[in-house]
Amino acid sequence: MNKVWIAFERDSGVVPWLIRKFTGFKYNHVLFLYESADWGGEWTFESVYGRGVRTVPLRATRKIHERYLVKYDIAPDIRANQELFLQQYDLLGLILFGVWILLKSATRLRLSFNGLKLKGQTCSEVLATVLRNRFYAELEFPQWVNPKDIWNLMQFRPDDFEKVDG
């Protein structure tokens, strides 16, 4: 795996709008992008509702709004988390994550659910699980990370991430 990017999208629809509304962030989806030497072109490594974690070609219809180059060798961390590909997207996990976002935004408190561990399903959780090998202090509980948390991490780590477009 050569270059790997972290990319942010802003999708249309009710669920994406709810994610943006309650996280207070302009994007609702985050994913890994990479160039495939085997298949050519850009591919994504992401979690998608109803399909689990998967790799698919980046479709021309998708609009990547921001892209950050991962400046360190992240391939070993991706390989170390291959079990993510075996997990299915969990609707209960998504609902609990939504309730947690609502509580957090309504109370303005820094809530933590450290004892609860769900399977790795949401797009943010997939990235946080892979990135946690290097950024454990910031991503100790990846099941409660949202796209804004990933974006904030990259803003404070210019030695590790470089914005390339958006």
N, C-alpha and C. Protein backbone atom coordinates (compact mmCIF):
# COMPACT_ATOMS: atom_id res chain seq x y z
N MET A 1 0.86 -1.17 0.00
CA MET A 1 0.00 0.00 0.00
C MET A 1 0.90 1.23 0.00
N ASN A 2 0.76 2.08 -1.00
CA ASN A 2 1.58 3.26 -1.09
C ASN A 2 1.02 4.39 -0.25
N LYS A 3 0.36 5.33 -0.91
CA LYS A 3 -0.21 6.47 -0.19
C LYS A 3 -1.58 6.11 0.37
N VAL A 4 -1.83 6.62 1.56
CA VAL A 4 -3.14 6.45 2.20
C VAL A 4 -3.59 7.83 2.65
N TRP A 5 -4.85 8.13 2.38
CA TRP A 5 -5.44 9.40 2.81
C TRP A 5 -6.63 9.13 3.73
N ILE A 6 -6.96 10.12 4.53
CA ILE A 6 -8.21 10.13 5.27
C ILE A 6 -9.05 11.20 4.63
N ALA A 7 -10.27 10.85 4.25
CA ALA A 7 -11.12 11.77 3.50
C ALA A 7 -12.46 11.95 4.21
N PHE A 8 -13.05 13.11 4.00
CA PHE A 8 -14.33 13.46 4.61
C PHE A 8 -15.36 13.76 3.52
N GLU A 9 -16.59 13.30 3.75
CA GLU A 9 -17.68 13.51 2.82
C GLU A 9 -18.87 14.14 3.53
N ARG A 10 -19.68 14.82 2.73
CA ARG A 10 -20.95 15.37 3.21
C ARG A 10 -22.03 14.80 2.30
N ASP A 11 -22.75 13.80 2.81
CA ASP A 11 -23.80 13.14 2.03
C ASP A 11 -25.14 13.81 2.27
N SER A 12 -26.08 13.53 1.37
CA SER A 12 -27.44 14.04 1.56
C SER A 12 -28.30 12.95 2.18
N GLY A 13 -29.42 13.35 2.74
CA GLY A 13 -30.33 12.40 3.38
C GLY A 13 -30.56 12.73 4.84
N VAL A 14 -31.52 12.05 5.43
CA VAL A 14 -31.90 12.33 6.82
C VAL A 14 -30.81 11.93 7.80
N VAL A 15 -30.29 10.70 7.68
CA VAL A 15 -29.27 10.23 8.63
C VAL A 15 -28.01 11.08 8.54
N PRO A 16 -27.46 11.35 7.34
CA PRO A 16 -26.30 12.23 7.29
C PRO A 16 -26.57 13.61 7.90
N TRP A 17 -27.75 14.15 7.66
CA TRP A 17 -28.10 15.45 8.22
C TRP A 17 -28.12 15.38 9.75
N LEU A 18 -28.69 14.31 10.30
CA LEU A 18 -28.73 14.15 11.76
C LEU A 18 -27.32 14.04 12.34
N ILE A 19 -26.46 13.31 11.67
CA ILE A 19 -25.07 13.19 12.14
C ILE A 19 -24.42 14.56 12.17
N ARG A 20 -24.57 15.34 11.09
CA ARG A 20 -23.98 16.69 11.05
C ARG A 20 -24.58 17.59 12.11
N LYS A 21 -25.89 17.51 12.28
CA LYS A 21 -26.59 18.37 13.24
C LYS A 21 -26.11 18.13 14.66
N PHE A 22 -26.03 16.86 15.05
CA PHE A 22 -25.73 16.57 16.44
C PHE A 22 -24.25 16.47 16.76
N THR A 23 -23.40 16.36 15.75
CA THR A 23 -21.96 16.43 16.03
C THR A 23 -21.46 17.86 15.87
N GLY A 24 -22.27 18.73 15.24
CA GLY A 24 -21.84 20.11 15.02
C GLY A 24 -20.69 20.19 14.03
N PHE A 25 -20.65 19.27 13.09
CA PHE A 25 -19.55 19.20 12.14
C PHE A 25 -20.10 19.23 10.72
N LYS A 26 -19.33 19.76 9.80
CA LYS A 26 -19.80 19.93 8.43
C LYS A 26 -19.82 18.65 7.60
N TYR A 27 -19.15 17.60 8.08
CA TYR A 27 -19.11 16.33 7.35
C TYR A 27 -19.73 15.23 8.20
N ASN A 28 -20.32 14.24 7.52
CA ASN A 28 -20.96 13.14 8.24
C ASN A 28 -20.27 11.80 8.01
N HIS A 29 -19.30 11.74 7.11
CA HIS A 29 -18.67 10.46 6.79
C HIS A 29 -17.17 10.64 6.66
N VAL A 30 -16.41 9.67 7.17
CA VAL A 30 -14.96 9.68 7.08
C VAL A 30 -14.51 8.30 6.63
N LEU A 31 -13.45 8.26 5.80
CA LEU A 31 -13.00 6.99 5.25
C LEU A 31 -11.53 7.05 4.90
N PHE A 32 -10.92 5.87 4.74
CA PHE A 32 -9.57 5.78 4.22
C PHE A 32 -9.66 5.70 2.70
N LEU A 33 -8.73 6.35 2.02
CA LEU A 33 -8.56 6.24 0.57
C LEU A 33 -7.16 5.71 0.30
N TYR A 34 -7.01 4.91 -0.73
CA TYR A 34 -5.68 4.45 -1.11
C TYR A 34 -5.66 4.14 -2.60
N GLU A 35 -4.47 4.17 -3.16
CA GLU A 35 -4.29 3.81 -4.56
C GLU A 35 -4.02 2.32 -4.63
N SER A 36 -4.79 1.61 -5.45
CA SER A 36 -4.62 0.16 -5.56
C SER A 36 -3.65 -0.15 -6.69
N ALA A 37 -2.54 -0.79 -6.33
CA ALA A 37 -1.57 -1.21 -7.34
C ALA A 37 -2.13 -2.39 -8.14
N ASP A 38 -2.97 -3.20 -7.49
CA ASP A 38 -3.51 -4.39 -8.15
C ASP A 38 -4.65 -4.06 -9.11
N TRP A 39 -5.56 -3.20 -8.68
CA TRP A 39 -6.77 -2.94 -9.44
C TRP A 39 -6.78 -1.58 -10.13
N GLY A 40 -5.85 -0.71 -9.77
CA GLY A 40 -5.77 0.62 -10.36
C GLY A 40 -6.81 1.57 -9.78
N GLY A 41 -6.50 2.83 -9.79
CA GLY A 41 -7.42 3.85 -9.30
C GLY A 41 -7.45 3.95 -7.78
N GLU A 42 -8.34 4.80 -7.31
CA GLU A 42 -8.49 5.02 -5.87
C GLU A 42 -9.58 4.12 -5.32
N TRP A 43 -9.33 3.57 -4.14
CA TRP A 43 -10.25 2.68 -3.45
C TRP A 43 -10.48 3.20 -2.04
N THR A 44 -11.61 2.82 -1.46
CA THR A 44 -11.91 3.21 -0.09
C THR A 44 -11.89 1.98 0.81
N PHE A 45 -11.60 2.22 2.06
CA PHE A 45 -11.67 1.23 3.12
C PHE A 45 -12.58 1.88 4.15
N GLU A 46 -13.85 1.42 4.22
CA GLU A 46 -14.83 2.15 5.01
C GLU A 46 -15.90 1.22 5.55
N SER A 47 -16.69 1.75 6.47
CA SER A 47 -17.84 1.05 7.02
C SER A 47 -19.10 1.65 6.42
N VAL A 48 -19.96 0.79 5.88
CA VAL A 48 -21.17 1.25 5.22
C VAL A 48 -22.35 0.49 5.78
N TYR A 49 -23.39 1.21 6.15
CA TYR A 49 -24.58 0.59 6.72
C TYR A 49 -25.13 -0.51 5.81
N GLY A 50 -25.40 -1.67 6.41
CA GLY A 50 -25.95 -2.79 5.68
C GLY A 50 -24.93 -3.65 4.97
N ARG A 51 -23.70 -3.19 4.90
CA ARG A 51 -22.68 -3.93 4.15
C ARG A 51 -21.43 -4.23 4.98
N GLY A 52 -21.30 -3.66 6.16
CA GLY A 52 -20.13 -3.89 6.99
C GLY A 52 -18.92 -3.11 6.49
N VAL A 53 -17.76 -3.51 6.95
CA VAL A 53 -16.51 -2.86 6.54
C VAL A 53 -16.07 -3.50 5.23
N ARG A 54 -15.70 -2.66 4.28
CA ARG A 54 -15.37 -3.18 2.96
C ARG A 54 -14.39 -2.27 2.24
N THR A 55 -13.80 -2.78 1.19
CA THR A 55 -13.00 -1.97 0.27
C THR A 55 -13.74 -1.95 -1.06
N VAL A 56 -13.89 -0.76 -1.59
CA VAL A 56 -14.59 -0.58 -2.87
C VAL A 56 -13.89 0.53 -3.66
N PRO A 57 -14.04 0.50 -4.99
CA PRO A 57 -13.47 1.61 -5.77
C PRO A 57 -14.20 2.92 -5.46
N LEU A 58 -13.45 3.98 -5.45
CA LEU A 58 -14.04 5.30 -5.24
C LEU A 58 -14.84 5.65 -6.49
N ARG A 59 -16.12 5.79 -6.33
CA ARG A 59 -16.99 6.09 -7.47
C ARG A 59 -16.87 7.57 -7.87
N ALA A 60 -17.02 7.82 -9.14
CA ALA A 60 -16.95 9.19 -9.63
C ALA A 60 -18.08 10.04 -9.07
N THR A 61 -19.17 9.40 -8.64
CA THR A 61 -20.31 10.14 -8.13
C THR A 61 -20.08 10.65 -6.71
N ARG A 62 -19.06 10.15 -6.03
CA ARG A 62 -18.81 10.59 -4.66
C ARG A 62 -18.04 11.89 -4.66
N LYS A 63 -18.34 12.72 -3.69
CA LYS A 63 -17.67 14.01 -3.58
C LYS A 63 -16.85 14.03 -2.30
N ILE A 64 -15.55 13.95 -2.46
CA ILE A 64 -14.63 14.06 -1.32
C ILE A 64 -14.42 15.55 -1.08
N HIS A 65 -14.72 16.01 0.12
CA HIS A 65 -14.63 17.44 0.43
C HIS A 65 -13.27 17.84 0.99
N GLU A 66 -12.70 16.98 1.82
CA GLU A 66 -11.35 17.23 2.35
C GLU A 66 -10.60 15.91 2.34
N ARG A 67 -9.30 16.03 2.06
CA ARG A 67 -8.44 14.85 2.01
C ARG A 67 -7.13 15.18 2.72
N TYR A 68 -6.70 14.25 3.57
CA TYR A 68 -5.46 14.41 4.33
C TYR A 68 -4.56 13.22 4.06
N LEU A 69 -3.32 13.49 3.67
CA LEU A 69 -2.34 12.44 3.46
C LEU A 69 -1.84 11.95 4.83
N VAL A 70 -1.82 10.64 5.01
CA VAL A 70 -1.22 10.07 6.22
C VAL A 70 0.27 10.00 5.94
N LYS A 71 1.07 10.73 6.73
CA LYS A 71 2.49 10.90 6.44
C LYS A 71 3.37 9.81 7.03
N TYR A 72 2.81 8.92 7.83
CA TYR A 72 3.59 7.81 8.37
C TYR A 72 3.10 6.51 7.74
N ASP A 73 3.83 5.44 7.93
CA ASP A 73 3.46 4.15 7.34
C ASP A 73 2.32 3.52 8.15
N ILE A 74 1.10 3.67 7.64
CA ILE A 74 -0.08 3.18 8.33
C ILE A 74 -0.44 1.74 7.92
N ALA A 75 0.20 1.22 6.89
CA ALA A 75 -0.12 -0.12 6.39
C ALA A 75 -0.06 -1.20 7.48
N PRO A 76 0.95 -1.21 8.36
CA PRO A 76 0.96 -2.24 9.42
C PRO A 76 -0.25 -2.12 10.36
N ASP A 77 -0.71 -0.91 10.62
CA ASP A 77 -1.88 -0.73 11.49
C ASP A 77 -3.15 -1.23 10.80
N ILE A 78 -3.26 -1.02 9.49
CA ILE A 78 -4.41 -1.53 8.74
C ILE A 78 -4.38 -3.06 8.73
N ARG A 79 -3.20 -3.63 8.46
CA ARG A 79 -3.08 -5.10 8.46
C ARG A 79 -3.37 -5.69 9.84
N ALA A 80 -2.97 -4.99 10.89
CA ALA A 80 -3.20 -5.47 12.26
C ALA A 80 -4.68 -5.48 12.62
N ASN A 81 -5.49 -4.76 11.86
CA ASN A 81 -6.92 -4.66 12.14
C ASN A 81 -7.76 -5.32 11.04
N GLN A 82 -7.22 -6.36 10.42
CA GLN A 82 -7.94 -7.07 9.36
C GLN A 82 -9.27 -7.64 9.83
N GLU A 83 -9.40 -7.90 11.14
CA GLU A 83 -10.66 -8.46 11.65
C GLU A 83 -11.84 -7.51 11.45
N LEU A 84 -11.57 -6.23 11.20
CA LEU A 84 -12.66 -5.29 10.93
C LEU A 84 -13.46 -5.72 9.70
N PHE A 85 -12.80 -6.38 8.74
CA PHE A 85 -13.49 -6.81 7.53
C PHE A 85 -14.52 -7.89 7.80
N LEU A 86 -14.39 -8.58 8.91
CA LEU A 86 -15.30 -9.68 9.24
C LEU A 86 -16.52 -9.21 10.01
N GLN A 87 -16.54 -7.95 10.41
CA GLN A 87 -17.64 -7.45 11.23
C GLN A 87 -18.72 -6.82 10.38
N GLN A 88 -19.93 -7.03 10.79
CA GLN A 88 -21.07 -6.42 10.12
C GLN A 88 -21.46 -5.12 10.81
N TYR A 89 -22.09 -4.25 10.08
CA TYR A 89 -22.59 -2.99 10.62
C TYR A 89 -23.71 -3.32 11.61
N ASP A 90 -23.65 -2.78 12.78
CA ASP A 90 -24.59 -3.12 13.85
C ASP A 90 -25.56 -1.96 14.07
N LEU A 91 -26.83 -2.17 13.76
CA LEU A 91 -27.83 -1.11 13.91
C LEU A 91 -27.96 -0.67 15.36
N LEU A 92 -27.92 -1.60 16.31
CA LEU A 92 -28.00 -1.24 17.73
C LEU A 92 -26.84 -0.32 18.11
N GLY A 93 -25.65 -0.63 17.63
CA GLY A 93 -24.50 0.22 17.89
C GLY A 93 -24.69 1.61 17.35
N LEU A 94 -25.26 1.72 16.16
CA LEU A 94 -25.52 3.03 15.56
C LEU A 94 -26.55 3.80 16.38
N ILE A 95 -27.59 3.12 16.84
CA ILE A 95 -28.62 3.78 17.66
C ILE A 95 -28.03 4.28 18.97
N LEU A 96 -27.25 3.43 19.65
CA LEU A 96 -26.61 3.85 20.91
C LEU A 96 -25.66 5.02 20.68
N PHE A 97 -24.93 4.98 19.57
CA PHE A 97 -24.03 6.08 19.23
C PHE A 97 -24.83 7.36 19.03
N GLY A 98 -25.99 7.27 18.36
CA GLY A 98 -26.86 8.43 18.14
C GLY A 98 -27.39 8.99 19.44
N VAL A 99 -27.81 8.12 20.36
CA VAL A 99 -28.29 8.56 21.68
C VAL A 99 -27.17 9.26 22.43
N TRP A 100 -25.97 8.71 22.35
CA TRP A 100 -24.83 9.33 23.04
C TRP A 100 -24.54 10.72 22.47
N ILE A 101 -24.59 10.87 21.13
CA ILE A 101 -24.37 12.19 20.51
C ILE A 101 -25.44 13.17 20.97
N LEU A 102 -26.70 12.72 21.01
CA LEU A 102 -27.79 13.59 21.48
C LEU A 102 -27.56 14.05 22.91
N LEU A 103 -27.22 13.14 23.79
CA LEU A 103 -26.96 13.49 25.19
C LEU A 103 -25.78 14.45 25.31
N LYS A 104 -24.74 14.17 24.56
CA LYS A 104 -23.55 15.02 24.61
C LYS A 104 -23.86 16.43 24.13
N SER A 105 -24.62 16.54 23.03
CA SER A 105 -24.91 17.87 22.49
C SER A 105 -25.95 18.60 23.34
N ALA A 106 -26.90 17.88 23.92
CA ALA A 106 -27.95 18.51 24.72
C ALA A 106 -27.43 19.00 26.06
N THR A 107 -26.49 18.27 26.65
CA THR A 107 -26.00 18.63 27.98
C THR A 107 -24.73 19.44 27.95
N ARG A 108 -24.04 19.43 26.83
CA ARG A 108 -22.75 20.12 26.69
C ARG A 108 -21.71 19.60 27.69
N LEU A 109 -21.94 18.40 28.20
CA LEU A 109 -21.00 17.78 29.11
C LEU A 109 -20.06 16.87 28.33
N ARG A 110 -18.92 16.62 28.90
CA ARG A 110 -17.99 15.68 28.28
C ARG A 110 -18.34 14.29 28.80
N LEU A 111 -19.26 13.64 28.13
CA LEU A 111 -19.73 12.33 28.55
C LEU A 111 -18.78 11.24 28.08
N SER A 112 -18.69 10.19 28.86
CA SER A 112 -17.86 9.06 28.50
C SER A 112 -18.56 7.77 28.88
N PHE A 113 -18.51 6.80 27.99
CA PHE A 113 -19.09 5.48 28.24
C PHE A 113 -17.98 4.46 28.14
N ASN A 114 -16.97 4.60 28.98
CA ASN A 114 -15.78 3.78 28.87
C ASN A 114 -16.03 2.29 29.06
N GLY A 115 -17.05 1.91 29.80
CA GLY A 115 -17.29 0.50 30.08
C GLY A 115 -17.98 -0.23 28.96
N LEU A 116 -18.64 0.48 28.06
CA LEU A 116 -19.41 -0.16 26.99
C LEU A 116 -18.53 -0.34 25.76
N LYS A 117 -18.45 -1.57 25.28
CA LYS A 117 -17.66 -1.83 24.09
C LYS A 117 -18.53 -2.50 23.04
N LEU A 118 -18.80 -1.78 21.96
CA LEU A 118 -19.54 -2.33 20.84
C LEU A 118 -18.56 -2.82 19.78
N LYS A 119 -19.05 -3.57 18.82
CA LYS A 119 -18.21 -4.00 17.71
C LYS A 119 -17.87 -2.78 16.86
N GLY A 120 -16.77 -2.87 16.10
CA GLY A 120 -16.36 -1.75 15.25
C GLY A 120 -17.21 -1.63 14.02
N GLN A 121 -18.15 -0.69 14.01
CA GLN A 121 -19.04 -0.57 12.87
C GLN A 121 -19.05 0.79 12.20
N THR A 122 -19.17 1.86 12.96
CA THR A 122 -19.35 3.15 12.32
C THR A 122 -18.08 3.56 11.59
N CYS A 123 -18.23 4.44 10.61
CA CYS A 123 -17.08 4.87 9.82
C CYS A 123 -15.98 5.44 10.71
N SER A 124 -16.37 6.25 11.68
CA SER A 124 -15.39 6.86 12.58
C SER A 124 -14.70 5.82 13.43
N GLU A 125 -15.45 4.83 13.86
CA GLU A 125 -14.87 3.79 14.72
C GLU A 125 -13.85 2.95 13.96
N VAL A 126 -14.10 2.67 12.70
CA VAL A 126 -13.14 1.92 11.90
C VAL A 126 -11.82 2.69 11.83
N LEU A 127 -11.88 3.99 11.51
CA LEU A 127 -10.66 4.79 11.43
C LEU A 127 -9.99 4.90 12.79
N ALA A 128 -10.78 5.16 13.84
CA ALA A 128 -10.20 5.30 15.18
C ALA A 128 -9.53 4.02 15.64
N THR A 129 -10.10 2.87 15.29
CA THR A 129 -9.51 1.59 15.67
C THR A 129 -8.15 1.41 15.02
N VAL A 130 -8.04 1.76 13.74
CA VAL A 130 -6.76 1.65 13.05
C VAL A 130 -5.77 2.70 13.57
N LEU A 131 -6.23 3.93 13.74
CA LEU A 131 -5.33 5.01 14.20
C LEU A 131 -4.94 4.87 15.66
N ARG A 132 -5.71 4.13 16.43
CA ARG A 132 -5.46 4.00 17.87
C ARG A 132 -4.09 3.40 18.18
N ASN A 133 -3.54 2.59 17.29
CA ASN A 133 -2.21 2.04 17.52
C ASN A 133 -1.18 3.14 17.73
N ARG A 134 -1.36 4.26 17.05
CA ARG A 134 -0.40 5.37 17.15
C ARG A 134 -0.88 6.47 18.10
N PHE A 135 -2.19 6.66 18.20
CA PHE A 135 -2.75 7.77 18.98
C PHE A 135 -3.66 7.25 20.10
N TYR A 136 -3.11 6.38 20.93
CA TYR A 136 -3.94 5.72 21.94
C TYR A 136 -4.56 6.71 22.92
N ALA A 137 -3.81 7.72 23.33
CA ALA A 137 -4.33 8.68 24.33
C ALA A 137 -5.56 9.41 23.80
N GLU A 138 -5.56 9.76 22.53
CA GLU A 138 -6.68 10.50 21.95
C GLU A 138 -7.84 9.59 21.54
N LEU A 139 -7.54 8.32 21.26
CA LEU A 139 -8.55 7.42 20.70
C LEU A 139 -8.70 6.14 21.53
N GLU A 140 -8.61 6.28 22.83
CA GLU A 140 -8.66 5.11 23.70
C GLU A 140 -9.96 4.32 23.54
N PHE A 141 -11.07 5.02 23.29
CA PHE A 141 -12.37 4.37 23.14
C PHE A 141 -12.93 4.69 21.75
N PRO A 142 -12.49 3.98 20.73
CA PRO A 142 -12.88 4.32 19.35
C PRO A 142 -14.38 4.20 19.09
N GLN A 143 -15.10 3.45 19.91
CA GLN A 143 -16.53 3.29 19.67
C GLN A 143 -17.31 4.58 19.89
N TRP A 144 -16.70 5.60 20.51
CA TRP A 144 -17.41 6.85 20.76
C TRP A 144 -16.82 8.02 19.97
N VAL A 145 -16.06 7.71 18.93
CA VAL A 145 -15.44 8.74 18.10
C VAL A 145 -16.38 9.08 16.94
N ASN A 146 -16.44 10.35 16.57
CA ASN A 146 -17.23 10.76 15.41
C ASN A 146 -16.30 11.45 14.39
N PRO A 147 -16.78 11.75 13.19
CA PRO A 147 -15.90 12.35 12.17
C PRO A 147 -15.20 13.62 12.65
N LYS A 148 -15.87 14.42 13.46
CA LYS A 148 -15.25 15.65 13.96
C LYS A 148 -14.04 15.35 14.85
N ASP A 149 -14.11 14.29 15.65
CA ASP A 149 -12.98 13.91 16.50
C ASP A 149 -11.76 13.52 15.66
N ILE A 150 -11.99 12.78 14.58
CA ILE A 150 -10.89 12.39 13.68
C ILE A 150 -10.29 13.64 13.04
N TRP A 151 -11.15 14.56 12.58
CA TRP A 151 -10.69 15.80 11.96
C TRP A 151 -9.87 16.63 12.95
N ASN A 152 -10.37 16.75 14.19
CA ASN A 152 -9.64 17.50 15.21
C ASN A 152 -8.27 16.90 15.49
N LEU A 153 -8.19 15.58 15.56
CA LEU A 153 -6.90 14.92 15.78
C LEU A 153 -5.90 15.32 14.70
N MET A 154 -6.35 15.33 13.46
CA MET A 154 -5.45 15.65 12.36
C MET A 154 -4.99 17.10 12.37
N GLN A 155 -5.82 18.00 12.89
CA GLN A 155 -5.44 19.41 12.96
C GLN A 155 -4.28 19.64 13.94
N PHE A 156 -4.21 18.80 14.97
CA PHE A 156 -3.18 18.95 16.00
C PHE A 156 -1.98 18.04 15.78
N ARG A 157 -1.94 17.33 14.66
CA ARG A 157 -0.84 16.42 14.37
C ARG A 157 -0.27 16.68 12.98
N PRO A 158 0.28 17.89 12.72
CA PRO A 158 0.78 18.20 11.37
C PRO A 158 1.97 17.33 10.96
N ASP A 159 2.67 16.72 11.90
CA ASP A 159 3.77 15.84 11.53
C ASP A 159 3.27 14.51 10.99
N ASP A 160 2.01 14.18 11.28
CA ASP A 160 1.45 12.89 10.87
C ASP A 160 0.45 12.98 9.72
N PHE A 161 -0.18 14.17 9.54
CA PHE A 161 -1.22 14.34 8.52
C PHE A 161 -1.01 15.65 7.78
N GLU A 162 -1.23 15.63 6.47
CA GLU A 162 -1.08 16.83 5.66
C GLU A 162 -2.33 17.00 4.79
N LYS A 163 -2.97 18.15 4.89
CA LYS A 163 -4.14 18.43 4.05
C LYS A 163 -3.68 18.61 2.62
N VAL A 164 -4.30 17.86 1.71
CA VAL A 164 -3.88 17.94 0.31
C VAL A 164 -4.93 18.56 -0.59
N ASP A 165 -6.21 18.50 -0.22
CA ASP A 165 -7.23 19.25 -0.94
C ASP A 165 -8.49 19.37 -0.11
N GLY A 166 -9.32 20.34 -0.53
CA GLY A 166 -10.58 20.58 0.18
C GLY A 166 -10.60 21.89 0.87
